[in-house]
Amino acid sequence: MLTAEKTLPVHSVCAAGVVKNGRGEVLLMNNVRRGWEFPGGIIECGENIIDGLKREIFEETGVYAEVGELFCVSSNTCSYPGYNGVKVIPPKVILDFICTYSGGEPCPSDESTESGFFPEEEALGMIGSPVYKERFRAYLEYTGRPVYMSYKNKPDFIFEMKKEI
C-alpha cells in the first residue's frame, strides 16, 4: 500500500512583550517599517520562547526584561511577500507576555529608530499598526485570562475574531 506524501503547514512562532517599569510606564520602540510598537519577533530554531523573547527585547531596545504572564495568543492567518531576502512571510502564531524591566537603557537598534518608556495611557495612541494596536488593547483589557485573536494583515488589516480563552 502506497502512502501519500504529506506536507505539514508552516507557521512562524513569534513572541512580544509589554515591558513595564516601576513607574507604570511601558516600553515602546519606533520600528523602521511600522512605527511605534512593543518589542518582539520570530523565535529562532532551537530557541525556547522565553529566551527568544528576552533576546528580541534586548536586540530591539537595549533593555533587559523578565517574562511574566501570557496575555494574548494571536494568529496572522495569511502569508504575504517577504522582504530582506525572504521570499514569503508565512502565517504567524504570536504569544504576547507582560514583562518586567530588569535593566539596560532604551536605545535605537537595526530595527528601531528609537525606544523608550511611555505612560501606559499614552501608549495606545502612539501605536500606529492596527495589529499592534489590537494586541496592546488586549493587554490593557487583561483580567487574568488570556485572549485569542485572529486576523489577516495583508493586503489590508481584517480582524477575524477575539475570544477569551
N, C-alpha and C. Protein backbone atom coordinates (compact mmCIF):
# COMPACT_ATOMS: atom_id res chain seq x y z
N MET A 1 0.83 -1.16 0.00
CA MET A 1 0.00 0.00 0.00
C MET A 1 0.89 1.25 0.00
N LEU A 2 0.65 2.12 -0.94
CA LEU A 2 1.41 3.36 -1.02
C LEU A 2 0.76 4.42 -0.13
N THR A 3 1.60 5.17 0.54
CA THR A 3 1.07 6.28 1.33
C THR A 3 1.40 7.59 0.63
N ALA A 4 0.46 8.48 0.65
CA ALA A 4 0.66 9.78 0.03
C ALA A 4 1.62 10.61 0.87
N GLU A 5 2.47 11.34 0.18
CA GLU A 5 3.39 12.24 0.88
C GLU A 5 2.60 13.44 1.41
N LYS A 6 2.88 13.82 2.64
CA LYS A 6 2.17 14.93 3.25
C LYS A 6 3.14 16.07 3.50
N THR A 7 2.63 17.24 3.38
CA THR A 7 3.41 18.43 3.71
C THR A 7 2.75 19.10 4.90
N LEU A 8 3.51 19.30 5.94
CA LEU A 8 2.96 19.95 7.12
C LEU A 8 2.87 21.46 6.88
N PRO A 9 1.89 22.11 7.48
CA PRO A 9 1.80 23.56 7.34
C PRO A 9 2.98 24.23 8.03
N VAL A 10 3.33 25.38 7.55
CA VAL A 10 4.45 26.13 8.12
C VAL A 10 3.91 27.42 8.73
N HIS A 11 4.26 27.64 9.98
CA HIS A 11 3.93 28.88 10.69
C HIS A 11 5.20 29.37 11.38
N SER A 12 5.36 30.66 11.46
CA SER A 12 6.40 31.23 12.31
C SER A 12 5.84 31.34 13.72
N VAL A 13 6.67 31.07 14.70
CA VAL A 13 6.29 31.30 16.09
C VAL A 13 6.99 32.58 16.52
N CYS A 14 6.20 33.52 17.02
CA CYS A 14 6.71 34.83 17.43
C CYS A 14 6.31 35.09 18.87
N ALA A 15 7.05 35.99 19.51
CA ALA A 15 6.69 36.41 20.86
C ALA A 15 6.98 37.90 20.98
N ALA A 16 6.18 38.58 21.78
CA ALA A 16 6.37 40.00 22.04
C ALA A 16 6.08 40.27 23.50
N GLY A 17 6.60 41.39 23.98
CA GLY A 17 6.43 41.70 25.38
C GLY A 17 6.08 43.15 25.64
N VAL A 18 5.08 43.36 26.49
CA VAL A 18 4.80 44.68 27.02
C VAL A 18 5.63 44.77 28.29
N VAL A 19 6.74 45.53 28.22
CA VAL A 19 7.68 45.64 29.32
C VAL A 19 7.29 46.84 30.18
N LYS A 20 7.03 46.57 31.46
CA LYS A 20 6.61 47.61 32.40
C LYS A 20 7.78 47.95 33.34
N ASN A 21 7.94 49.24 33.61
CA ASN A 21 8.94 49.64 34.60
C ASN A 21 8.25 49.98 35.92
N GLY A 22 9.02 50.38 36.91
CA GLY A 22 8.47 50.66 38.24
C GLY A 22 7.65 51.93 38.32
N ARG A 23 7.62 52.73 37.27
CA ARG A 23 6.84 53.98 37.26
C ARG A 23 5.51 53.83 36.52
N GLY A 24 5.13 52.60 36.18
CA GLY A 24 3.87 52.38 35.47
C GLY A 24 3.94 52.72 33.99
N GLU A 25 5.15 52.76 33.44
CA GLU A 25 5.33 53.06 32.02
C GLU A 25 5.62 51.77 31.26
N VAL A 26 5.37 51.80 29.95
CA VAL A 26 5.63 50.64 29.10
C VAL A 26 6.67 51.00 28.04
N LEU A 27 7.42 50.00 27.64
CA LEU A 27 8.48 50.16 26.65
C LEU A 27 7.91 50.08 25.24
N LEU A 28 8.19 51.09 24.44
CA LEU A 28 7.83 51.07 23.03
C LEU A 28 9.07 51.35 22.20
N MET A 29 9.06 50.86 20.98
CA MET A 29 10.14 51.13 20.04
C MET A 29 9.53 51.67 18.75
N ASN A 30 10.27 52.51 18.07
CA ASN A 30 9.80 53.07 16.81
C ASN A 30 10.39 52.23 15.68
N ASN A 31 9.64 51.22 15.25
CA ASN A 31 10.08 50.29 14.21
C ASN A 31 10.25 51.03 12.89
N VAL A 32 11.32 50.71 12.17
CA VAL A 32 11.62 51.43 10.93
C VAL A 32 10.56 51.22 9.86
N ARG A 33 9.77 50.15 9.93
CA ARG A 33 8.74 49.89 8.91
C ARG A 33 7.32 50.19 9.40
N ARG A 34 7.04 50.00 10.70
CA ARG A 34 5.66 50.07 11.19
C ARG A 34 5.38 51.19 12.18
N GLY A 35 6.39 51.90 12.63
CA GLY A 35 6.17 52.93 13.64
C GLY A 35 6.22 52.36 15.04
N TRP A 36 5.61 53.07 15.99
CA TRP A 36 5.68 52.69 17.40
C TRP A 36 4.95 51.38 17.67
N GLU A 37 5.60 50.50 18.44
CA GLU A 37 5.05 49.20 18.82
C GLU A 37 5.83 48.68 20.02
N PHE A 38 5.34 47.62 20.65
CA PHE A 38 6.10 46.98 21.71
C PHE A 38 7.01 45.92 21.08
N PRO A 39 8.16 45.62 21.71
CA PRO A 39 9.17 44.77 21.06
C PRO A 39 8.80 43.29 21.03
N GLY A 40 9.35 42.62 20.03
CA GLY A 40 9.19 41.18 19.87
C GLY A 40 9.62 40.75 18.50
N GLY A 41 9.53 39.45 18.24
CA GLY A 41 9.93 38.96 16.93
C GLY A 41 9.85 37.45 16.83
N ILE A 42 10.47 36.93 15.80
CA ILE A 42 10.43 35.50 15.49
C ILE A 42 11.37 34.73 16.42
N ILE A 43 10.86 33.63 16.95
CA ILE A 43 11.67 32.74 17.77
C ILE A 43 12.49 31.87 16.81
N GLU A 44 13.78 31.80 17.07
CA GLU A 44 14.69 31.07 16.18
C GLU A 44 14.62 29.56 16.43
N CYS A 45 15.00 28.76 15.42
CA CYS A 45 15.03 27.31 15.55
C CYS A 45 15.92 26.91 16.71
N GLY A 46 15.43 26.02 17.56
CA GLY A 46 16.18 25.54 18.70
C GLY A 46 16.15 26.46 19.91
N GLU A 47 15.45 27.57 19.82
CA GLU A 47 15.39 28.54 20.91
C GLU A 47 14.05 28.38 21.63
N ASN A 48 14.05 28.47 22.95
CA ASN A 48 12.77 28.43 23.64
C ASN A 48 12.13 29.82 23.60
N ILE A 49 10.83 29.86 23.79
CA ILE A 49 10.06 31.10 23.60
C ILE A 49 10.48 32.18 24.59
N ILE A 50 10.71 31.83 25.84
CA ILE A 50 11.07 32.83 26.85
C ILE A 50 12.43 33.46 26.53
N ASP A 51 13.42 32.62 26.26
CA ASP A 51 14.75 33.15 25.92
C ASP A 51 14.72 33.94 24.62
N GLY A 52 13.92 33.46 23.65
CA GLY A 52 13.79 34.18 22.39
C GLY A 52 13.19 35.56 22.58
N LEU A 53 12.19 35.66 23.44
CA LEU A 53 11.57 36.96 23.70
C LEU A 53 12.55 37.89 24.40
N LYS A 54 13.27 37.39 25.39
CA LYS A 54 14.27 38.22 26.06
C LYS A 54 15.30 38.73 25.06
N ARG A 55 15.75 37.86 24.16
CA ARG A 55 16.71 38.25 23.14
C ARG A 55 16.15 39.34 22.25
N GLU A 56 14.91 39.15 21.77
CA GLU A 56 14.29 40.13 20.89
C GLU A 56 14.15 41.49 21.56
N ILE A 57 13.69 41.50 22.81
CA ILE A 57 13.53 42.77 23.54
C ILE A 57 14.88 43.48 23.63
N PHE A 58 15.93 42.75 24.00
CA PHE A 58 17.24 43.38 24.13
C PHE A 58 17.78 43.85 22.78
N GLU A 59 17.69 43.00 21.75
CA GLU A 59 18.21 43.39 20.43
C GLU A 59 17.52 44.63 19.89
N GLU A 60 16.22 44.75 20.11
CA GLU A 60 15.46 45.85 19.52
C GLU A 60 15.50 47.13 20.36
N THR A 61 15.76 47.01 21.67
CA THR A 61 15.64 48.19 22.53
C THR A 61 16.81 48.44 23.48
N GLY A 62 17.69 47.45 23.71
CA GLY A 62 18.76 47.60 24.69
C GLY A 62 18.31 47.37 26.12
N VAL A 63 17.08 46.89 26.30
CA VAL A 63 16.50 46.70 27.63
C VAL A 63 16.47 45.21 27.97
N TYR A 64 16.79 44.90 29.23
CA TYR A 64 16.64 43.54 29.76
C TYR A 64 15.30 43.45 30.45
N ALA A 65 14.65 42.30 30.30
CA ALA A 65 13.32 42.12 30.89
C ALA A 65 13.13 40.70 31.38
N GLU A 66 12.30 40.56 32.39
CA GLU A 66 11.86 39.26 32.86
C GLU A 66 10.46 39.01 32.29
N VAL A 67 10.26 37.82 31.77
CA VAL A 67 9.00 37.47 31.12
C VAL A 67 8.02 36.93 32.15
N GLY A 68 6.81 37.49 32.15
CA GLY A 68 5.78 37.09 33.09
C GLY A 68 4.60 36.43 32.41
N GLU A 69 3.40 36.92 32.73
CA GLU A 69 2.16 36.29 32.27
C GLU A 69 1.90 36.44 30.78
N LEU A 70 1.33 35.40 30.21
CA LEU A 70 0.83 35.42 28.84
C LEU A 70 -0.53 36.11 28.85
N PHE A 71 -0.70 37.15 28.02
CA PHE A 71 -2.00 37.84 27.99
C PHE A 71 -2.72 37.70 26.67
N CYS A 72 -2.02 37.27 25.61
CA CYS A 72 -2.67 37.18 24.30
C CYS A 72 -1.96 36.16 23.42
N VAL A 73 -2.76 35.37 22.72
CA VAL A 73 -2.28 34.48 21.66
C VAL A 73 -3.00 34.95 20.40
N SER A 74 -2.25 35.19 19.35
CA SER A 74 -2.91 35.63 18.13
C SER A 74 -2.36 34.90 16.93
N SER A 75 -3.17 34.88 15.88
CA SER A 75 -2.79 34.24 14.62
C SER A 75 -2.96 35.23 13.49
N ASN A 76 -1.88 35.42 12.76
CA ASN A 76 -1.97 36.12 11.48
C ASN A 76 -2.14 34.99 10.47
N THR A 77 -3.32 34.83 9.92
CA THR A 77 -3.65 33.63 9.14
C THR A 77 -3.27 33.72 7.66
N CYS A 78 -2.61 34.80 7.25
CA CYS A 78 -2.25 34.93 5.85
C CYS A 78 -0.73 34.86 5.67
N SER A 79 -0.32 34.57 4.46
CA SER A 79 1.09 34.71 4.08
C SER A 79 1.15 35.84 3.08
N TYR A 80 2.35 36.42 2.92
CA TYR A 80 2.49 37.57 2.03
C TYR A 80 3.94 37.68 1.57
N PRO A 81 4.19 38.45 0.52
CA PRO A 81 5.56 38.59 0.01
C PRO A 81 6.50 39.12 1.09
N GLY A 82 7.70 38.59 1.09
CA GLY A 82 8.67 38.94 2.11
C GLY A 82 9.50 40.16 1.77
N TYR A 83 10.57 40.33 2.50
CA TYR A 83 11.50 41.45 2.36
C TYR A 83 12.85 40.99 2.89
N ASN A 84 13.89 41.77 2.64
CA ASN A 84 15.26 41.46 3.10
C ASN A 84 15.69 40.04 2.71
N GLY A 85 15.37 39.62 1.48
CA GLY A 85 15.79 38.32 1.00
C GLY A 85 14.86 37.17 1.33
N VAL A 86 13.81 37.39 2.11
CA VAL A 86 12.83 36.35 2.43
C VAL A 86 11.73 36.41 1.38
N LYS A 87 11.50 35.27 0.69
CA LYS A 87 10.52 35.27 -0.41
C LYS A 87 9.09 35.42 0.07
N VAL A 88 8.72 34.64 1.08
CA VAL A 88 7.32 34.64 1.58
C VAL A 88 7.34 34.64 3.10
N ILE A 89 6.53 35.51 3.68
CA ILE A 89 6.33 35.50 5.13
C ILE A 89 5.15 34.56 5.40
N PRO A 90 5.38 33.47 6.16
CA PRO A 90 4.29 32.52 6.41
C PRO A 90 3.32 33.04 7.47
N PRO A 91 2.19 32.36 7.63
CA PRO A 91 1.30 32.71 8.75
C PRO A 91 2.07 32.65 10.06
N LYS A 92 1.60 33.42 11.06
CA LYS A 92 2.30 33.51 12.34
C LYS A 92 1.39 33.16 13.50
N VAL A 93 1.98 32.57 14.51
CA VAL A 93 1.35 32.42 15.81
C VAL A 93 2.17 33.28 16.75
N ILE A 94 1.51 34.21 17.44
CA ILE A 94 2.21 35.20 18.25
C ILE A 94 1.75 35.08 19.70
N LEU A 95 2.71 35.00 20.61
CA LEU A 95 2.45 34.92 22.04
C LEU A 95 2.90 36.25 22.67
N ASP A 96 1.97 36.95 23.31
CA ASP A 96 2.28 38.24 23.93
C ASP A 96 2.30 38.08 25.44
N PHE A 97 3.37 38.61 26.06
CA PHE A 97 3.58 38.46 27.50
C PHE A 97 3.70 39.82 28.19
N ILE A 98 3.31 39.86 29.45
CA ILE A 98 3.59 41.00 30.30
C ILE A 98 4.98 40.77 30.89
N CYS A 99 5.86 41.73 30.71
CA CYS A 99 7.24 41.59 31.16
C CYS A 99 7.59 42.71 32.14
N THR A 100 8.64 42.50 32.91
CA THR A 100 9.09 43.47 33.89
C THR A 100 10.50 43.91 33.54
N TYR A 101 10.72 45.21 33.53
CA TYR A 101 12.03 45.80 33.26
C TYR A 101 13.02 45.32 34.32
N SER A 102 14.23 44.89 33.87
CA SER A 102 15.24 44.47 34.84
C SER A 102 16.59 45.14 34.61
N GLY A 103 16.72 46.00 33.59
CA GLY A 103 17.99 46.69 33.40
C GLY A 103 18.17 47.19 31.97
N GLY A 104 19.25 47.90 31.77
CA GLY A 104 19.58 48.44 30.46
C GLY A 104 18.92 49.78 30.22
N GLU A 105 19.36 50.43 29.15
CA GLU A 105 18.83 51.73 28.77
C GLU A 105 18.22 51.66 27.38
N PRO A 106 17.00 52.15 27.19
CA PRO A 106 16.40 52.15 25.86
C PRO A 106 17.29 52.89 24.87
N CYS A 107 17.46 52.27 23.69
CA CYS A 107 18.30 52.87 22.66
C CYS A 107 17.83 52.38 21.29
N PRO A 108 18.28 53.04 20.21
CA PRO A 108 17.92 52.58 18.86
C PRO A 108 18.65 51.28 18.53
N SER A 109 18.20 50.63 17.46
CA SER A 109 18.83 49.39 17.01
C SER A 109 18.70 49.31 15.49
N ASP A 110 19.08 48.16 14.93
CA ASP A 110 18.91 47.95 13.48
C ASP A 110 17.44 47.99 13.08
N GLU A 111 16.53 47.67 14.02
CA GLU A 111 15.11 47.61 13.72
C GLU A 111 14.31 48.79 14.23
N SER A 112 14.93 49.64 15.05
CA SER A 112 14.18 50.78 15.61
C SER A 112 15.01 52.06 15.55
N THR A 113 14.32 53.16 15.30
CA THR A 113 15.00 54.45 15.28
C THR A 113 15.14 55.03 16.68
N GLU A 114 14.29 54.59 17.59
CA GLU A 114 14.36 55.00 18.99
C GLU A 114 13.49 54.07 19.83
N SER A 115 13.75 54.08 21.12
CA SER A 115 12.90 53.33 22.05
C SER A 115 12.90 54.06 23.38
N GLY A 116 11.86 53.81 24.16
CA GLY A 116 11.75 54.46 25.46
C GLY A 116 10.53 54.01 26.22
N PHE A 117 10.45 54.44 27.46
CA PHE A 117 9.30 54.14 28.31
C PHE A 117 8.31 55.30 28.24
N PHE A 118 7.03 54.96 28.13
CA PHE A 118 5.98 55.94 27.98
C PHE A 118 4.82 55.60 28.91
N PRO A 119 4.08 56.61 29.37
CA PRO A 119 2.91 56.32 30.22
C PRO A 119 1.95 55.37 29.50
N GLU A 120 1.49 54.38 30.25
CA GLU A 120 0.60 53.36 29.70
C GLU A 120 -0.60 53.97 28.98
N GLU A 121 -1.19 55.03 29.55
CA GLU A 121 -2.39 55.63 28.95
C GLU A 121 -2.10 56.36 27.64
N GLU A 122 -0.84 56.68 27.35
CA GLU A 122 -0.48 57.32 26.08
C GLU A 122 -0.07 56.32 25.01
N ALA A 123 0.36 55.15 25.43
CA ALA A 123 0.96 54.19 24.51
C ALA A 123 0.01 53.76 23.39
N LEU A 124 -1.24 53.49 23.71
CA LEU A 124 -2.18 53.04 22.68
C LEU A 124 -2.29 54.06 21.55
N GLY A 125 -2.32 55.33 21.88
CA GLY A 125 -2.41 56.38 20.87
C GLY A 125 -1.14 56.51 20.04
N MET A 126 -0.02 56.06 20.56
CA MET A 126 1.25 56.14 19.82
C MET A 126 1.38 55.01 18.80
N ILE A 127 0.79 53.86 19.10
CA ILE A 127 0.95 52.67 18.25
C ILE A 127 0.16 52.87 16.96
N GLY A 128 0.85 52.75 15.82
CA GLY A 128 0.21 53.01 14.53
C GLY A 128 -0.35 51.77 13.85
N SER A 129 0.31 50.64 13.98
CA SER A 129 -0.10 49.41 13.31
C SER A 129 -1.39 48.87 13.92
N PRO A 130 -2.42 48.59 13.09
CA PRO A 130 -3.67 48.04 13.64
C PRO A 130 -3.45 46.72 14.39
N VAL A 131 -2.51 45.90 13.92
CA VAL A 131 -2.21 44.63 14.57
C VAL A 131 -1.69 44.87 15.99
N TYR A 132 -0.70 45.72 16.12
CA TYR A 132 -0.13 46.00 17.43
C TYR A 132 -1.12 46.75 18.32
N LYS A 133 -1.94 47.60 17.73
CA LYS A 133 -2.95 48.35 18.49
C LYS A 133 -3.94 47.37 19.14
N GLU A 134 -4.44 46.37 18.37
CA GLU A 134 -5.39 45.39 18.91
C GLU A 134 -4.75 44.53 19.98
N ARG A 135 -3.50 44.16 19.78
CA ARG A 135 -2.80 43.35 20.78
C ARG A 135 -2.52 44.16 22.04
N PHE A 136 -2.19 45.44 21.91
CA PHE A 136 -1.99 46.28 23.09
C PHE A 136 -3.31 46.50 23.83
N ARG A 137 -4.41 46.62 23.08
CA ARG A 137 -5.74 46.71 23.71
C ARG A 137 -6.00 45.47 24.58
N ALA A 138 -5.58 44.29 24.06
CA ALA A 138 -5.75 43.06 24.83
C ALA A 138 -4.96 43.14 26.14
N TYR A 139 -3.79 43.76 26.12
CA TYR A 139 -3.02 43.97 27.35
C TYR A 139 -3.78 44.89 28.31
N LEU A 140 -4.28 46.01 27.79
CA LEU A 140 -5.00 46.97 28.64
C LEU A 140 -6.26 46.36 29.24
N GLU A 141 -6.90 45.43 28.54
CA GLU A 141 -8.14 44.80 28.98
C GLU A 141 -7.90 43.50 29.76
N TYR A 142 -6.65 43.10 29.91
CA TYR A 142 -6.31 41.82 30.54
C TYR A 142 -6.84 41.75 31.97
N THR A 143 -7.59 40.67 32.26
CA THR A 143 -8.18 40.48 33.59
C THR A 143 -7.70 39.20 34.26
N GLY A 144 -6.66 38.60 33.72
CA GLY A 144 -6.16 37.36 34.31
C GLY A 144 -6.38 36.15 33.41
N ARG A 145 -7.20 36.33 32.38
CA ARG A 145 -7.39 35.26 31.39
C ARG A 145 -6.91 35.76 30.05
N PRO A 146 -6.04 34.99 29.36
CA PRO A 146 -5.55 35.42 28.05
C PRO A 146 -6.68 35.49 27.03
N VAL A 147 -6.43 36.22 25.98
CA VAL A 147 -7.37 36.34 24.89
C VAL A 147 -6.73 35.74 23.64
N TYR A 148 -7.57 35.18 22.77
CA TYR A 148 -7.10 34.70 21.46
C TYR A 148 -7.69 35.62 20.40
N MET A 149 -6.84 36.02 19.45
CA MET A 149 -7.28 36.84 18.33
C MET A 149 -6.78 36.25 17.02
N SER A 150 -7.56 36.48 15.99
CA SER A 150 -7.20 36.02 14.65
C SER A 150 -7.41 37.19 13.69
N TYR A 151 -6.48 37.34 12.76
CA TYR A 151 -6.58 38.45 11.79
C TYR A 151 -5.76 38.13 10.54
N LYS A 152 -5.97 38.92 9.52
CA LYS A 152 -5.13 38.96 8.33
C LYS A 152 -4.61 40.38 8.23
N ASN A 153 -3.32 40.54 7.89
CA ASN A 153 -2.80 41.90 7.80
C ASN A 153 -2.43 42.32 6.38
N LYS A 154 -2.62 41.45 5.40
CA LYS A 154 -2.31 41.79 4.01
C LYS A 154 -3.43 41.29 3.11
N PRO A 155 -3.87 42.00 2.10
CA PRO A 155 -3.37 43.31 1.71
C PRO A 155 -3.83 44.41 2.66
N ASP A 156 -4.93 44.21 3.38
CA ASP A 156 -5.41 45.17 4.37
C ASP A 156 -5.66 44.42 5.68
N PHE A 157 -5.68 45.14 6.79
CA PHE A 157 -5.95 44.54 8.08
C PHE A 157 -7.42 44.15 8.17
N ILE A 158 -7.65 42.86 8.46
CA ILE A 158 -9.00 42.34 8.66
C ILE A 158 -9.00 41.58 9.99
N PHE A 159 -9.75 42.09 10.96
CA PHE A 159 -9.88 41.46 12.27
C PHE A 159 -10.91 40.36 12.14
N GLU A 160 -10.53 39.12 12.42
CA GLU A 160 -11.42 37.97 12.23
C GLU A 160 -12.18 37.59 13.51
N MET A 161 -11.47 37.54 14.65
CA MET A 161 -12.16 37.15 15.88
C MET A 161 -11.33 37.51 17.10
N LYS A 162 -12.02 37.62 18.23
CA LYS A 162 -11.37 37.83 19.53
C LYS A 162 -12.18 37.06 20.55
N LYS A 163 -11.48 36.27 21.38
CA LYS A 163 -12.19 35.41 22.32
C LYS A 163 -11.32 35.18 23.55
N GLU A 164 -11.89 35.32 24.72
CA GLU A 164 -11.18 34.98 25.94
C GLU A 164 -10.97 33.49 25.99
N ILE A 165 -9.78 33.04 26.42
CA ILE A 165 -9.51 31.60 26.48
C ILE A 165 -9.15 31.18 27.89
